[in-house]
Amino acid sequence: MLCPLIKGDKTVIAAHTDVVGSLLRPDWLLKARQDVEKGTLSSAEFKTLEDRAVDGAVSLQEAAGLDVITDGEMRRTSFQSQMTEAVDGFGDHTLNAFLWGDWHGDETAGNHRLERPTDLGVIKKLTRRRFLSTEEFVYLRSKTDRIPKVSLPSPSLWANFWSPEHSKDAYPTLDSFLSDVTDILCDEVAELVRLGATYIQLDAPHYTAFIDPDTRAFYESQGWSADRYLGAGIELDNAVIGQFPDITFGFHL
């Protein structure tokens, strides 16, 4: 929301601005992640490089004059992936689990279609091994005196990881799966608040993606109508937000 302020003969525009969450990861960090997977770089060495990338992201945002700072999501392979990295039960998957769909580029990049992996689907009851984003927040908080923001995925976004075929033994219904996802995210918010977080964002780009007929058809094939995603899905979002009147919650569409 832009608010024009008149100061003398000048009009000053005051605007709330902060980064949605992610910034482009540098090439050297992408290569380092590949090196870890190949076993040529240790986890400790990789963690040092992640810290360096976060430091750069913080410096960039502060230099731009932002009052709200993220860590650029430098520690994530996808804006959602901290969930699957911290919680067991999602089964084997690759980055394509987060990237499938139709991608449209300019004349140079062209268009690209990536099919949803056929074996994608939660296969066991979810078990949290660690909190999702507390390490991100604690490190970010130590690197800036501005407002640190942490982003979390909206619960109903995880309908992508439910399958009537692969998930039936662990979660026979989409509702039962999303209920456990919501519980994990509720615990996450409570822990972030305990650690001093004052600005938490829920990422829910699937809501606006329902405008696309193919995306809407996929999500509805998972068991909920588009209307229910907007109704029951938002109820789950509100459950994650919880009763924290002193915390700012952003919502990314």
C-alpha atoms as a PDB file:
ATOM      1  CA  MET A   1       0.000   0.000   0.000  1.00  0.00           C
ATOM      2  CA  LEU A   2       1.509   3.313  -1.078  1.00  0.00           C
ATOM      3  CA  CYS A   3       0.914   6.405   1.021  1.00  0.00           C
ATOM      4  CA  PRO A   4       1.948   9.696  -0.637  1.00  0.00           C
ATOM      5  CA  LEU A   5       3.206  12.244   1.857  1.00  0.00           C
ATOM      6  CA  ILE A   6       3.497  15.921   0.930  1.00  0.00           C
ATOM      7  CA  LYS A   7       6.617  17.602   2.325  1.00  0.00           C
ATOM      8  CA  GLY A   8       6.984  21.159   1.154  1.00  0.00           C
ATOM      9  CA  ASP A   9       7.053  21.098  -2.625  1.00  0.00           C
ATOM     10  CA  LYS A  10       7.991  17.419  -2.784  1.00  0.00           C
ATOM     11  CA  THR A  11       5.854  14.285  -2.747  1.00  0.00           C
ATOM     12  CA  VAL A  12       7.457  11.467  -0.772  1.00  0.00           C
ATOM     13  CA  ILE A  13       6.158   7.935  -1.254  1.00  0.00           C
ATOM     14  CA  ALA A  14       6.164   5.795   1.897  1.00  0.00           C
ATOM     15  CA  ALA A  15       5.833   2.077   1.164  1.00  0.00           C
ATOM     16  CA  HIS A  16       6.090  -1.114   3.160  1.00  0.00           C
ATOM     17  CA  THR A  17       8.730  -3.238   1.469  1.00  0.00           C
ATOM     18  CA  ASP A  18      10.363  -6.547   2.267  1.00  0.00           C
ATOM     19  CA  VAL A  19      11.609  -9.562   0.350  1.00  0.00           C
ATOM     20  CA  VAL A  20       9.005 -12.295  -0.136  1.00  0.00           C
ATOM     21  CA  GLY A  21      11.560 -14.786   1.140  1.00  0.00           C
ATOM     22  CA  SER A  22      13.960 -16.224  -1.386  1.00  0.00           C
ATOM     23  CA  LEU A  23      16.803 -14.601  -3.252  1.00  0.00           C
ATOM     24  CA  LEU A  24      18.775 -16.255  -6.043  1.00  0.00           C
ATOM     25  CA  ARG A  25      21.423 -18.499  -4.565  1.00  0.00           C
ATOM     26  CA  PRO A  26      24.936 -17.831  -5.854  1.00  0.00           C
ATOM     27  CA  ASP A  27      26.415 -20.377  -8.258  1.00  0.00           C
ATOM     28  CA  TRP A  28      29.114 -21.357  -5.767  1.00  0.00           C
ATOM     29  CA  LEU A  29      26.475 -22.304  -3.202  1.00  0.00           C
ATOM     30  CA  LEU A  30      24.562 -24.410  -5.735  1.00  0.00           C
ATOM     31  CA  LYS A  31      27.797 -26.206  -6.622  1.00  0.00           C
ATOM     32  CA  ALA A  32      28.592 -26.724  -2.948  1.00  0.00           C
ATOM     33  CA  ARG A  33      25.257 -28.460  -2.404  1.00  0.00           C
ATOM     34  CA  GLN A  34      26.064 -30.790  -5.298  1.00  0.00           C
ATOM     35  CA  ASP A  35      29.482 -31.457  -3.786  1.00  0.00           C
ATOM     36  CA  VAL A  36      27.871 -32.471  -0.490  1.00  0.00           C
ATOM     37  CA  GLU A  37      25.623 -34.906  -2.328  1.00  0.00           C
ATOM     38  CA  LYS A  38      28.666 -36.361  -4.113  1.00  0.00           C
ATOM     39  CA  GLY A  39      30.565 -36.650  -0.832  1.00  0.00           C
ATOM     40  CA  THR A  40      33.371 -34.292  -1.852  1.00  0.00           C
ATOM     41  CA  LEU A  41      32.395 -31.565   0.655  1.00  0.00           C
ATOM     42  CA  SER A  42      31.656 -32.125   4.331  1.00  0.00           C
ATOM     43  CA  SER A  43      28.474 -30.971   6.011  1.00  0.00           C
ATOM     44  CA  ALA A  44      30.489 -28.664   8.280  1.00  0.00           C
ATOM     45  CA  GLU A  45      32.210 -27.046   5.284  1.00  0.00           C
ATOM     46  CA  PHE A  46      28.876 -26.649   3.549  1.00  0.00           C
ATOM     47  CA  LYS A  47      27.341 -25.034   6.627  1.00  0.00           C
ATOM     48  CA  THR A  48      30.105 -22.412   6.584  1.00  0.00           C
ATOM     49  CA  LEU A  49      29.296 -21.634   2.947  1.00  0.00           C
ATOM     50  CA  GLU A  50      25.574 -21.384   3.739  1.00  0.00           C
ATOM     51  CA  ASP A  51      26.394 -18.889   6.499  1.00  0.00           C
ATOM     52  CA  ARG A  52      28.441 -16.864   4.012  1.00  0.00           C
ATOM     53  CA  ALA A  53      25.534 -16.825   1.549  1.00  0.00           C
ATOM     54  CA  VAL A  54      23.116 -15.685   4.265  1.00  0.00           C
ATOM     55  CA  ASP A  55      25.524 -12.925   5.300  1.00  0.00           C
ATOM     56  CA  GLY A  56      25.545 -11.703   1.700  1.00  0.00           C
ATOM     57  CA  ALA A  57      21.755 -11.765   1.483  1.00  0.00           C
ATOM     58  CA  VAL A  58      21.438  -9.757   4.699  1.00  0.00           C
ATOM     59  CA  SER A  59      23.974  -7.183   3.534  1.00  0.00           C
ATOM     60  CA  LEU A  60      22.183  -6.802   0.199  1.00  0.00           C
ATOM     61  CA  GLN A  61      18.807  -6.134   1.838  1.00  0.00           C
ATOM     62  CA  GLU A  62      20.231  -3.752   4.423  1.00  0.00           C
ATOM     63  CA  ALA A  63      22.063  -1.818   1.708  1.00  0.00           C
ATOM     64  CA  ALA A  64      18.741  -1.507  -0.138  1.00  0.00           C
ATOM     65  CA  GLY A  65      17.264   0.124   2.978  1.00  0.00           C
ATOM     66  CA  LEU A  66      14.804  -2.643   3.878  1.00  0.00           C
ATOM     67  CA  ASP A  67      13.435  -2.699   7.406  1.00  0.00           C
ATOM     68  CA  VAL A  68      12.462  -6.386   7.216  1.00  0.00           C
ATOM     69  CA  ILE A  69      15.197  -8.909   6.418  1.00  0.00           C
ATOM     70  CA  THR A  70      15.097 -12.576   5.401  1.00  0.00           C
ATOM     71  CA  ASP A  71      18.002 -14.980   5.074  1.00  0.00           C
ATOM     72  CA  GLY A  72      17.245 -15.279   1.362  1.00  0.00           C
ATOM     73  CA  GLU A  73      16.230 -18.903   2.030  1.00  0.00           C
ATOM     74  CA  MET A  74      19.824 -19.781   1.216  1.00  0.00           C
ATOM     75  CA  ARG A  75      19.601 -22.977   3.266  1.00  0.00           C
ATOM     76  CA  ARG A  76      16.639 -24.347   1.291  1.00  0.00           C
ATOM     77  CA  THR A  77      16.464 -26.195  -2.016  1.00  0.00           C
ATOM     78  CA  SER A  78      12.876 -24.920  -2.326  1.00  0.00           C
ATOM     79  CA  PHE A  79      10.829 -22.501  -0.266  1.00  0.00           C
ATOM     80  CA  GLN A  80       8.973 -25.602   1.044  1.00  0.00           C
ATOM     81  CA  SER A  81      11.883 -27.977   1.506  1.00  0.00           C
ATOM     82  CA  GLN A  82      12.667 -27.259   5.136  1.00  0.00           C
ATOM     83  CA  MET A  83       9.579 -29.364   5.943  1.00  0.00           C
ATOM     84  CA  THR A  84      10.715 -32.464   4.065  1.00  0.00           C
ATOM     85  CA  GLU A  85      14.288 -32.070   5.359  1.00  0.00           C
ATOM     86  CA  ALA A  86      13.172 -31.867   8.999  1.00  0.00           C
ATOM     87  CA  VAL A  87      10.279 -34.344   8.992  1.00  0.00           C
ATOM     88  CA  ASP A  88      10.362 -38.047   8.144  1.00  0.00           C
ATOM     89  CA  GLY A  89       7.559 -39.814   6.284  1.00  0.00           C
ATOM     90  CA  PHE A  90       7.421 -37.963   2.970  1.00  0.00           C
ATOM     91  CA  GLY A  91       9.194 -40.741   1.071  1.00  0.00           C
ATOM     92  CA  ASP A  92      11.862 -40.440  -1.586  1.00  0.00           C
ATOM     93  CA  HIS A  93      11.615 -37.371  -3.785  1.00  0.00           C
ATOM     94  CA  THR A  94      13.741 -34.989  -5.799  1.00  0.00           C
ATOM     95  CA  LEU A  95      13.598 -31.257  -6.427  1.00  0.00           C
ATOM     96  CA  ASN A  96      11.028 -32.008  -9.143  1.00  0.00           C
ATOM     97  CA  ALA A  97       8.499 -32.612  -6.367  1.00  0.00           C
ATOM     98  CA  PHE A  98       8.438 -28.841  -5.900  1.00  0.00           C
ATOM     99  CA  LEU A  99       9.005 -27.723  -9.482  1.00  0.00           C
ATOM    100  CA  TRP A 100       6.627 -29.754 -11.649  1.00  0.00           C
ATOM    101  CA  GLY A 101       4.196 -27.887 -13.883  1.00  0.00           C
ATOM    102  CA  ASP A 102       4.263 -25.563 -16.882  1.00  0.00           C
ATOM    103  CA  TRP A 103       6.988 -22.939 -17.002  1.00  0.00           C
ATOM    104  CA  HIS A 104       6.801 -20.071 -19.479  1.00  0.00           C
ATOM    105  CA  GLY A 105       9.831 -18.062 -20.529  1.00  0.00           C
ATOM    106  CA  ASP A 106      10.797 -15.436 -23.061  1.00  0.00           C
ATOM    107  CA  GLU A 107      12.071 -16.164 -26.556  1.00  0.00           C
ATOM    108  CA  THR A 108      15.475 -17.106 -25.166  1.00  0.00           C
ATOM    109  CA  ALA A 109      14.348 -19.384 -22.335  1.00  0.00           C
ATOM    110  CA  GLY A 110      11.271 -20.797 -24.048  1.00  0.00           C
ATOM    111  CA  ASN A 111       8.578 -22.901 -22.381  1.00  0.00           C
ATOM    112  CA  HIS A 112       9.129 -26.034 -20.328  1.00  0.00           C
ATOM    113  CA  ARG A 113       6.794 -28.673 -18.967  1.00  0.00           C
ATOM    114  CA  LEU A 114       7.798 -30.852 -16.040  1.00  0.00           C
ATOM    115  CA  GLU A 115       5.493 -33.717 -15.125  1.00  0.00           C
ATOM    116  CA  ARG A 116       4.624 -34.421 -11.502  1.00  0.00           C
ATOM    117  CA  PRO A 117       6.677 -37.409 -10.298  1.00  0.00           C
ATOM    118  CA  THR A 118       4.470 -40.498 -10.459  1.00  0.00           C
ATOM    119  CA  ASP A 119       5.798 -41.940  -7.192  1.00  0.00           C
ATOM    120  CA  LEU A 120       5.299 -38.750  -5.176  1.00  0.00           C
ATOM    121  CA  GLY A 121       3.324 -39.208  -1.985  1.00  0.00           C
ATOM    122  CA  VAL A 122       3.726 -39.319   1.795  1.00  0.00           C
ATOM    123  CA  ILE A 123       4.251 -42.965   2.807  1.00  0.00           C
ATOM    124  CA  LYS A 124       4.519 -42.957   6.610  1.00  0.00           C
ATOM    125  CA  LYS A 125       3.121 -41.047   9.550  1.00  0.00           C
ATOM    126  CA  LEU A 126       4.990 -37.768   9.816  1.00  0.00           C
ATOM    127  CA  THR A 127       7.684 -37.651  12.484  1.00  0.00           C
ATOM    128  CA  ARG A 128       9.544 -34.417  13.175  1.00  0.00           C
ATOM    129  CA  ARG A 129      13.294 -34.914  13.711  1.00  0.00           C
ATOM    130  CA  ARG A 130      13.973 -31.237  14.362  1.00  0.00           C
ATOM    131  CA  PHE A 131      12.285 -27.873  14.037  1.00  0.00           C
ATOM    132  CA  LEU A 132      12.029 -26.590  10.491  1.00  0.00           C
ATOM    133  CA  SER A 133      13.313 -23.036  10.622  1.00  0.00           C
ATOM    134  CA  THR A 134      14.659 -22.265  14.075  1.00  0.00           C
ATOM    135  CA  GLU A 135      18.291 -22.490  12.962  1.00  0.00           C
ATOM    136  CA  GLU A 136      17.525 -20.102  10.106  1.00  0.00           C
ATOM    137  CA  PHE A 137      15.890 -17.636  12.474  1.00  0.00           C
ATOM    138  CA  VAL A 138      18.503 -17.739  15.233  1.00  0.00           C
ATOM    139  CA  TYR A 139      21.359 -17.164  12.774  1.00  0.00           C
ATOM    140  CA  LEU A 140      19.481 -14.409  10.930  1.00  0.00           C
ATOM    141  CA  ARG A 141      18.610 -12.679  14.201  1.00  0.00           C
ATOM    142  CA  SER A 142      22.293 -12.567  15.111  1.00  0.00           C
ATOM    143  CA  LYS A 143      23.223 -10.884  11.829  1.00  0.00           C
ATOM    144  CA  THR A 144      20.867  -7.885  11.703  1.00  0.00           C
ATOM    145  CA  ASP A 145      19.365  -5.308  14.012  1.00  0.00           C
ATOM    146  CA  ARG A 146      16.359  -5.000  11.712  1.00  0.00           C
ATOM    147  CA  ILE A 147      13.226  -7.145  11.740  1.00  0.00           C
ATOM    148  CA  PRO A 148      14.056 -10.765  10.834  1.00  0.00           C
ATOM    149  CA  LYS A 149      11.308 -12.580   8.923  1.00  0.00           C
ATOM    150  CA  VAL A 150      10.841 -16.340   8.622  1.00  0.00           C
ATOM    151  CA  SER A 151       8.591 -17.959   6.017  1.00  0.00           C
ATOM    152  CA  LEU A 152       6.674 -21.219   6.442  1.00  0.00           C
ATOM    153  CA  PRO A 153       4.522 -23.134   3.934  1.00  0.00           C
ATOM    154  CA  SER A 154       0.750 -23.011   4.147  1.00  0.00           C
ATOM    155  CA  PRO A 155      -0.614 -26.391   5.321  1.00  0.00           C
ATOM    156  CA  SER A 156      -2.904 -27.048   2.343  1.00  0.00           C
ATOM    157  CA  LEU A 157      -0.013 -26.470  -0.076  1.00  0.00           C
ATOM    158  CA  TRP A 158       1.103 -29.945   1.017  1.00  0.00           C
ATOM    159  CA  ALA A 159      -1.788 -31.584  -0.783  1.00  0.00           C
ATOM    160  CA  ASN A 160       0.849 -32.000  -3.490  1.00  0.00           C
ATOM    161  CA  PHE A 161       2.530 -34.640  -1.302  1.00  0.00           C
ATOM    162  CA  TRP A 162      -0.584 -36.729  -0.708  1.00  0.00           C
ATOM    163  CA  SER A 163      -1.458 -39.617  -2.980  1.00  0.00           C
ATOM    164  CA  PRO A 164      -4.559 -41.852  -2.833  1.00  0.00           C
ATOM    165  CA  GLU A 165      -2.296 -44.676  -4.044  1.00  0.00           C
ATOM    166  CA  HIS A 166       0.965 -44.202  -2.127  1.00  0.00           C
ATOM    167  CA  SER A 167      -0.370 -42.604   1.060  1.00  0.00           C
ATOM    168  CA  LYS A 168      -3.371 -44.832   1.827  1.00  0.00           C
ATOM    169  CA  ASP A 169      -1.666 -46.865   4.581  1.00  0.00           C
ATOM    170  CA  ALA A 170      -0.328 -43.841   6.474  1.00  0.00           C
ATOM    171  CA  TYR A 171      -3.035 -41.327   5.614  1.00  0.00           C
ATOM    172  CA  PRO A 172      -6.175 -42.748   3.985  1.00  0.00           C
ATOM    173  CA  THR A 173      -7.587 -39.236   3.530  1.00  0.00           C
ATOM    174  CA  LEU A 174      -6.150 -35.876   2.564  1.00  0.00           C
ATOM    175  CA  ASP A 175      -7.778 -34.401   5.682  1.00  0.00           C
ATOM    176  CA  SER A 176      -5.850 -36.698   8.026  1.00  0.00           C
ATOM    177  CA  PHE A 177      -2.547 -35.825   6.335  1.00  0.00           C
ATOM    178  CA  LEU A 178      -3.086 -32.065   6.367  1.00  0.00           C
ATOM    179  CA  SER A 179      -4.118 -32.263  10.022  1.00  0.00           C
ATOM    180  CA  ASP A 180      -0.681 -33.642  10.951  1.00  0.00           C
ATOM    181  CA  VAL A 181       1.054 -31.081   8.711  1.00  0.00           C
ATOM    182  CA  THR A 182      -0.857 -28.343  10.522  1.00  0.00           C
ATOM    183  CA  ASP A 183       0.148 -29.680  13.944  1.00  0.00           C
ATOM    184  CA  ILE A 184       3.829 -29.610  12.938  1.00  0.00           C
ATOM    185  CA  LEU A 185       3.527 -26.043  11.695  1.00  0.00           C
ATOM    186  CA  CYS A 186       1.675 -24.952  14.845  1.00  0.00           C
ATOM    187  CA  ASP A 187       4.529 -26.283  16.959  1.00  0.00           C
ATOM    188  CA  GLU A 188       6.980 -24.489  14.680  1.00  0.00           C
ATOM    189  CA  VAL A 189       5.294 -21.118  15.127  1.00  0.00           C
ATOM    190  CA  ALA A 190       5.170 -21.558  18.899  1.00  0.00           C
ATOM    191  CA  GLU A 191       8.908 -22.318  18.987  1.00  0.00           C
ATOM    192  CA  LEU A 192       9.793 -19.399  16.713  1.00  0.00           C
ATOM    193  CA  VAL A 193       7.793 -17.055  18.930  1.00  0.00           C
ATOM    194  CA  ARG A 194       9.528 -18.475  22.009  1.00  0.00           C
ATOM    195  CA  LEU A 195      12.868 -17.687  20.366  1.00  0.00           C
ATOM    196  CA  GLY A 196      11.814 -14.103  19.760  1.00  0.00           C
ATOM    197  CA  ALA A 197      10.408 -14.086  16.232  1.00  0.00           C
ATOM    198  CA  THR A 198       8.017 -11.195  15.632  1.00  0.00           C
ATOM    199  CA  TYR A 199       7.345 -11.564  11.888  1.00  0.00           C
ATOM    200  CA  ILE A 200       6.308 -14.903  10.344  1.00  0.00           C
ATOM    201  CA  GLN A 201       5.010 -15.435   6.825  1.00  0.00           C
ATOM    202  CA  LEU A 202       2.864 -18.215   5.391  1.00  0.00           C
ATOM    203  CA  ASP A 203       3.516 -19.062   1.745  1.00  0.00           C
ATOM    204  CA  ALA A 204       0.326 -20.020  -0.104  1.00  0.00           C
ATOM    205  CA  PRO A 205       0.888 -19.515  -3.843  1.00  0.00           C
ATOM    206  CA  HIS A 206      -1.405 -22.430  -4.628  1.00  0.00           C
ATOM    207  CA  TYR A 207      -4.475 -20.314  -3.855  1.00  0.00           C
ATOM    208  CA  THR A 208      -3.883 -17.883  -6.680  1.00  0.00           C
ATOM    209  CA  ALA A 209      -2.646 -20.717  -8.917  1.00  0.00           C
ATOM    210  CA  PHE A 210      -6.230 -22.046  -8.888  1.00  0.00           C
ATOM    211  CA  ILE A 211      -6.878 -19.480 -11.603  1.00  0.00           C
ATOM    212  CA  ASP A 212      -5.048 -21.893 -13.914  1.00  0.00           C
ATOM    213  CA  PRO A 213      -7.461 -24.697 -14.944  1.00  0.00           C
ATOM    214  CA  ASP A 214      -4.759 -27.406 -14.913  1.00  0.00           C
ATOM    215  CA  THR A 215      -3.505 -26.473 -11.451  1.00  0.00           C
ATOM    216  CA  ARG A 216      -7.037 -26.281 -10.104  1.00  0.00           C
ATOM    217  CA  ALA A 217      -7.862 -29.670 -11.643  1.00  0.00           C
ATOM    218  CA  PHE A 218      -4.856 -31.296  -9.985  1.00  0.00           C
ATOM    219  CA  TYR A 219      -5.625 -29.980  -6.530  1.00  0.00           C
ATOM    220  CA  GLU A 220      -9.283 -30.919  -6.849  1.00  0.00           C
ATOM    221  CA  SER A 221      -8.219 -34.432  -7.902  1.00  0.00           C
ATOM    222  CA  GLN A 222      -6.570 -34.734  -4.491  1.00  0.00           C
ATOM    223  CA  GLY A 223      -9.964 -34.671  -2.828  1.00  0.00           C
ATOM    224  CA  TRP A 224     -10.961 -31.094  -2.063  1.00  0.00           C
ATOM    225  CA  SER A 225     -12.884 -28.696  -4.267  1.00  0.00           C
ATOM    226  CA  ALA A 226     -11.373 -25.298  -4.989  1.00  0.00           C
ATOM    227  CA  ASP A 227     -13.963 -23.758  -2.669  1.00  0.00           C
ATOM    228  CA  ARG A 228     -12.896 -26.097   0.107  1.00  0.00           C
ATOM    229  CA  TYR A 229      -9.234 -25.233  -0.350  1.00  0.00           C
ATOM    230  CA  LEU A 230     -10.189 -21.582   0.108  1.00  0.00           C
ATOM    231  CA  GLY A 231     -12.411 -22.333   3.085  1.00  0.00           C
ATOM    232  CA  ALA A 232     -10.930 -25.246   5.026  1.00  0.00           C
ATOM    233  CA  GLY A 233      -7.440 -24.347   3.804  1.00  0.00           C
ATOM    234  CA  ILE A 234      -7.672 -20.877   5.301  1.00  0.00           C
ATOM    235  CA  GLU A 235      -8.970 -22.396   8.542  1.00  0.00           C
ATOM    236  CA  LEU A 236      -5.764 -24.433   8.690  1.00  0.00           C
ATOM    237  CA  ASP A 237      -3.733 -21.277   8.003  1.00  0.00           C
ATOM    238  CA  ASN A 238      -5.495 -19.565  10.896  1.00  0.00           C
ATOM    239  CA  ALA A 239      -4.743 -22.538  13.130  1.00  0.00           C
ATOM    240  CA  VAL A 240      -1.036 -22.153  12.361  1.00  0.00           C
ATOM    241  CA  ILE A 241      -1.170 -18.426  13.024  1.00  0.00           C
ATOM    242  CA  GLY A 242      -2.709 -19.280  16.381  1.00  0.00           C
ATOM    243  CA  GLN A 243      -3.195 -16.895  19.245  1.00  0.00           C
ATOM    244  CA  PHE A 244      -0.210 -14.581  18.960  1.00  0.00           C
ATOM    245  CA  PRO A 245      -1.625 -11.038  18.912  1.00  0.00           C
ATOM    246  CA  ASP A 246       1.808  -9.431  19.222  1.00  0.00           C
ATOM    247  CA  ILE A 247       3.256 -11.236  16.176  1.00  0.00           C
ATOM    248  CA  THR A 248       3.058  -9.895  12.623  1.00  0.00           C
ATOM    249  CA  PHE A 249       1.943 -12.540  10.127  1.00  0.00           C
ATOM    250  CA  GLY A 250       2.466 -12.064   6.417  1.00  0.00           C
ATOM    251  CA  PHE A 251       0.653 -14.050   3.765  1.00  0.00           C
ATOM    252  CA  HIS A 252       2.350 -14.727   0.425  1.00  0.00           C
ATOM    253  CA  LEU A 253       0.065 -15.413  -2.517  1.00  0.00           C
END
